[in-house]
Every structure is written in C-alpha cells, then in structure tokens.
C-alpha cells in the first residue's frame, strides 16, 4: 500500500511543477524522486550554476566560426593548406581576433592591415612550433645515442689505484658516433 503525505507549496510553484511532471513523468512522486536523486547522485546544490548558458555558448561558437571563416578566406587567397598548428591557433586566438574586428568595424580600411598582422603572427608562431618540434626530435635522437653509448661503458677494477671506465665499442662505431655528433 502506498502512503502519501501532503506538502504545502505556493500555487504558482505547484502549477509549474505539475506541468513539468506531466510532461516528463507518470506521477508527481516519480518526478520529485528523480529530481532529488539527480542532486544527490551528482553531489550538487540546486542553487549553484553549471557554467555558461546556451546563449553564451552560442555566442562563443559564432565567434569561432567567424575566425575560422577569416582563416579559410586567407587560405583561399594565398593557396595555403591548413596545418594542425593553424587550427590550434584558430581556437586559441579566434575570440581575441573577433574583438579586434568589432572595435575596428567603423574603420574598414584598417581591417586588412590588422588581419595581415594577425596572420603574420600566426605564421610566425607556426614556424616557431615547427622549429621546436625539430629540436625536440634531435634531442630525443641524441639522448638515445648517449644512452646507447653509456650502455657500452664498463667499469674495470684495478688492483692498484682507482677503478677505470672502459668503452666497449669498436673503433669504427666510435668514429661514426663522433662524426654524427659533429654534423648535428
């Protein structure tokens, strides 16, 4: 047997709840229980905000699309294919670029200059990222060579004096290693 209890609500609140409950649930009890479970399960307070609203997210997405459209137009003009770095720059700097464009909308003559400056700085950033990638790859190769060389080092104990290190490597391997390090 189900037992019921009365709870007092303001009429406007009760009407809103009843409309909501009828739309999504079979009973008012089921609706209220589902809402309570949601808050307890997710350990949140009904009074706290979840972050951006749909309206602010919509504005952010519009700004990103405007930035992407500007980059695509520039790529069409210059015949440039997009790279990963360019796409990352799009999503990092698009809102800032759009703010500049809004403030300069009255001076349409200045916009191409600002766009060129943005793309110039973006291309410089891409080049720096490429150089950084090459340097990291070279560093990894040198580390591997160094580890390989260290693995060939053996400690020889002397009965007189200090222990010594012995490089167990053919002379040809040593010369190749030395030559590769000089060219890098």
Protein backbone atom coordinates (compact mmCIF):
# COMPACT_ATOMS: atom_id res chain seq x y z
CA UNK A 1 0.00 0.00 0.00
CA UNK A 2 1.34 3.40 -0.97
CA UNK A 3 1.24 6.12 1.61
CA UNK A 4 1.06 9.76 0.68
CA UNK A 5 1.96 12.92 2.54
CA UNK A 6 0.93 16.50 1.99
CA UNK A 7 3.46 19.22 1.33
CA UNK A 8 2.47 22.86 1.07
CA UNK A 9 3.66 24.83 -1.95
CA UNK A 10 2.74 28.20 -3.36
CA UNK A 11 0.12 27.83 -6.08
CA UNK A 12 2.38 29.17 -8.86
CA UNK A 13 5.17 26.77 -7.90
CA UNK A 14 2.74 23.84 -7.66
CA UNK A 15 1.34 24.62 -11.14
CA UNK A 16 4.83 24.78 -12.68
CA UNK A 17 5.78 21.50 -11.04
CA UNK A 18 2.58 19.79 -12.17
CA UNK A 19 3.11 20.91 -15.78
CA UNK A 20 6.71 19.76 -15.70
CA UNK A 21 5.79 16.46 -14.06
CA UNK A 22 3.00 15.65 -16.54
CA UNK A 23 5.30 16.33 -19.48
CA UNK A 24 8.13 14.01 -18.39
CA UNK A 25 6.82 11.55 -15.78
CA UNK A 26 3.83 9.34 -14.99
CA UNK A 27 3.39 10.64 -11.44
CA UNK A 28 4.36 13.69 -9.44
CA UNK A 29 6.13 11.44 -6.91
CA UNK A 30 8.29 9.93 -9.65
CA UNK A 31 9.21 13.42 -10.90
CA UNK A 32 10.19 14.67 -7.45
CA UNK A 33 12.12 11.49 -6.65
CA UNK A 34 14.05 11.71 -9.93
CA UNK A 35 14.99 15.33 -9.24
CA UNK A 36 16.16 14.52 -5.72
CA UNK A 37 18.16 11.53 -6.97
CA UNK A 38 19.82 13.74 -9.57
CA UNK A 39 21.04 16.26 -6.99
CA UNK A 40 22.17 13.61 -4.50
CA UNK A 41 23.88 11.42 -7.11
CA UNK A 42 25.78 14.32 -8.69
CA UNK A 43 26.51 15.90 -5.31
CA UNK A 44 25.43 19.35 -6.40
CA UNK A 45 23.27 22.01 -4.92
CA UNK A 46 20.22 23.19 -6.87
CA UNK A 47 21.37 26.76 -6.18
CA UNK A 48 24.77 26.51 -7.92
CA UNK A 49 25.42 27.48 -11.54
CA UNK A 50 26.68 24.92 -14.06
CA UNK A 51 28.66 27.37 -16.15
CA UNK A 52 27.89 29.03 -19.45
CA UNK A 53 24.32 29.14 -20.67
CA UNK A 54 23.20 28.12 -24.13
CA UNK A 55 23.19 31.78 -25.17
CA UNK A 56 26.82 32.39 -24.14
CA UNK A 57 27.89 29.13 -25.77
CA UNK A 58 26.10 30.17 -28.95
CA UNK A 59 27.99 33.48 -29.00
CA UNK A 60 31.30 31.70 -28.43
CA UNK A 61 30.58 29.27 -31.27
CA UNK A 62 29.66 32.16 -33.59
CA UNK A 63 32.96 33.87 -32.78
CA UNK A 64 34.88 30.68 -33.53
CA UNK A 65 33.08 30.23 -36.84
CA UNK A 66 33.83 33.85 -37.79
CA UNK A 67 37.51 33.29 -37.01
CA UNK A 68 37.52 30.05 -38.97
CA UNK A 69 35.86 31.76 -41.94
CA UNK A 70 38.52 34.51 -41.87
CA UNK A 71 41.32 31.93 -41.85
CA UNK A 72 39.72 29.95 -44.69
CA UNK A 73 39.34 33.12 -46.79
CA UNK A 74 43.00 33.92 -46.20
CA UNK A 75 43.99 30.36 -47.15
CA UNK A 76 41.94 30.65 -50.37
CA UNK A 77 43.72 33.92 -51.24
CA UNK A 78 47.20 32.60 -50.57
CA UNK A 79 46.71 28.95 -51.52
CA UNK A 80 47.83 27.64 -48.15
CA UNK A 81 46.81 24.27 -46.79
CA UNK A 82 45.87 24.22 -43.09
CA UNK A 83 48.14 22.60 -40.55
CA UNK A 84 47.44 21.38 -37.06
CA UNK A 85 49.22 24.41 -35.63
CA UNK A 86 47.00 26.78 -37.64
CA UNK A 87 43.89 25.07 -36.35
CA UNK A 88 45.17 25.30 -32.76
CA UNK A 89 45.84 28.99 -33.27
CA UNK A 90 42.30 29.39 -34.54
CA UNK A 91 40.80 28.01 -31.37
CA UNK A 92 43.21 29.86 -29.09
CA UNK A 93 43.02 33.31 -30.70
CA UNK A 94 39.68 33.48 -32.53
CA UNK A 95 37.74 35.36 -29.83
CA UNK A 96 40.53 37.92 -29.45
CA UNK A 97 40.64 38.49 -33.19
CA UNK A 98 36.88 38.99 -33.33
CA UNK A 99 37.06 41.59 -30.55
CA UNK A 100 39.61 43.49 -32.60
CA UNK A 101 37.38 43.27 -35.66
CA UNK A 102 34.35 44.61 -33.76
CA UNK A 103 36.29 47.58 -32.44
CA UNK A 104 37.59 48.32 -35.92
CA UNK A 105 34.32 47.81 -37.78
CA UNK A 106 33.95 51.56 -38.29
CA UNK A 107 37.41 51.78 -39.92
CA UNK A 108 37.08 49.19 -42.68
CA UNK A 109 40.25 50.47 -44.33
CA UNK A 110 42.31 49.35 -41.31
CA UNK A 111 40.86 45.80 -41.16
CA UNK A 112 43.11 44.22 -43.82
CA UNK A 113 46.16 45.61 -42.01
CA UNK A 114 45.01 44.06 -38.70
CA UNK A 115 44.15 40.77 -40.46
CA UNK A 116 47.58 40.68 -42.09
CA UNK A 117 49.22 41.31 -38.73
CA UNK A 118 47.20 38.51 -37.16
CA UNK A 119 48.07 36.04 -39.91
CA UNK A 120 51.70 37.13 -39.90
CA UNK A 121 51.94 36.47 -36.17
CA UNK A 122 50.08 33.17 -36.65
CA UNK A 123 52.51 32.05 -39.36
CA UNK A 124 55.47 33.08 -37.19
CA UNK A 125 54.03 31.01 -34.36
CA UNK A 126 53.63 28.04 -36.71
CA UNK A 127 57.24 28.34 -37.85
CA UNK A 128 58.43 28.50 -34.25
CA UNK A 129 56.38 25.43 -33.45
CA UNK A 130 57.95 23.55 -36.38
CA UNK A 131 61.44 24.53 -35.21
CA UNK A 132 60.55 23.44 -31.69
CA UNK A 133 59.38 20.05 -32.99
CA UNK A 134 62.61 19.54 -34.95
CA UNK A 135 64.71 20.49 -31.91
CA UNK A 136 62.77 18.04 -29.73
CA UNK A 137 63.28 15.25 -32.27
CA UNK A 138 67.02 15.98 -32.43
CA UNK A 139 67.22 15.98 -28.65
CA UNK A 140 65.47 12.61 -28.47
CA UNK A 141 67.92 11.16 -31.02
CA UNK A 142 70.91 12.49 -29.09
CA UNK A 143 69.53 11.09 -25.86
CA UNK A 144 69.14 7.67 -27.47
CA UNK A 145 72.70 7.80 -28.79
CA UNK A 146 74.00 8.85 -25.38
CA UNK A 147 72.08 6.07 -23.59
CA UNK A 148 73.40 3.55 -26.14
CA UNK A 149 76.94 4.76 -25.53
CA UNK A 150 76.53 4.61 -21.74
CA UNK A 151 75.34 1.02 -22.02
CA UNK A 152 78.67 0.15 -23.65
CA UNK A 153 80.70 1.59 -20.78
CA UNK A 154 82.10 -0.98 -18.36
CA UNK A 155 83.84 -0.46 -15.05
CA UNK A 156 87.19 -2.21 -14.72
CA UNK A 157 88.56 -2.59 -11.24
CA UNK A 158 92.27 -2.26 -10.84
CA UNK A 159 94.19 -3.96 -8.10
CA UNK A 160 96.34 -0.84 -7.89
CA UNK A 161 94.68 2.59 -7.79
CA UNK A 162 91.21 3.67 -8.79
CA UNK A 163 88.68 1.80 -10.93
CA UNK A 164 88.52 2.88 -14.59
CA UNK A 165 85.83 3.12 -17.19
CA UNK A 166 86.24 1.10 -20.37
CA UNK A 167 84.26 1.87 -23.53
CA UNK A 168 83.40 -1.47 -25.11
CA UNK A 169 82.93 -0.20 -28.67
CA UNK A 170 84.60 -0.91 -31.98
CA UNK A 171 86.76 1.91 -33.32
CA UNK A 172 84.54 2.15 -36.41
CA UNK A 173 81.40 2.67 -34.23
CA UNK A 174 83.24 5.29 -32.19
CA UNK A 175 84.28 7.22 -35.31
CA UNK A 176 80.70 7.08 -36.70
CA UNK A 177 79.31 8.39 -33.42
CA UNK A 178 81.89 11.16 -33.32
CA UNK A 179 81.14 12.15 -36.93
CA UNK A 180 77.36 12.18 -36.37
CA UNK A 181 77.76 14.46 -33.35
CA UNK A 182 79.96 16.89 -35.28
CA UNK A 183 77.39 17.26 -38.10
CA UNK A 184 74.49 17.89 -35.67
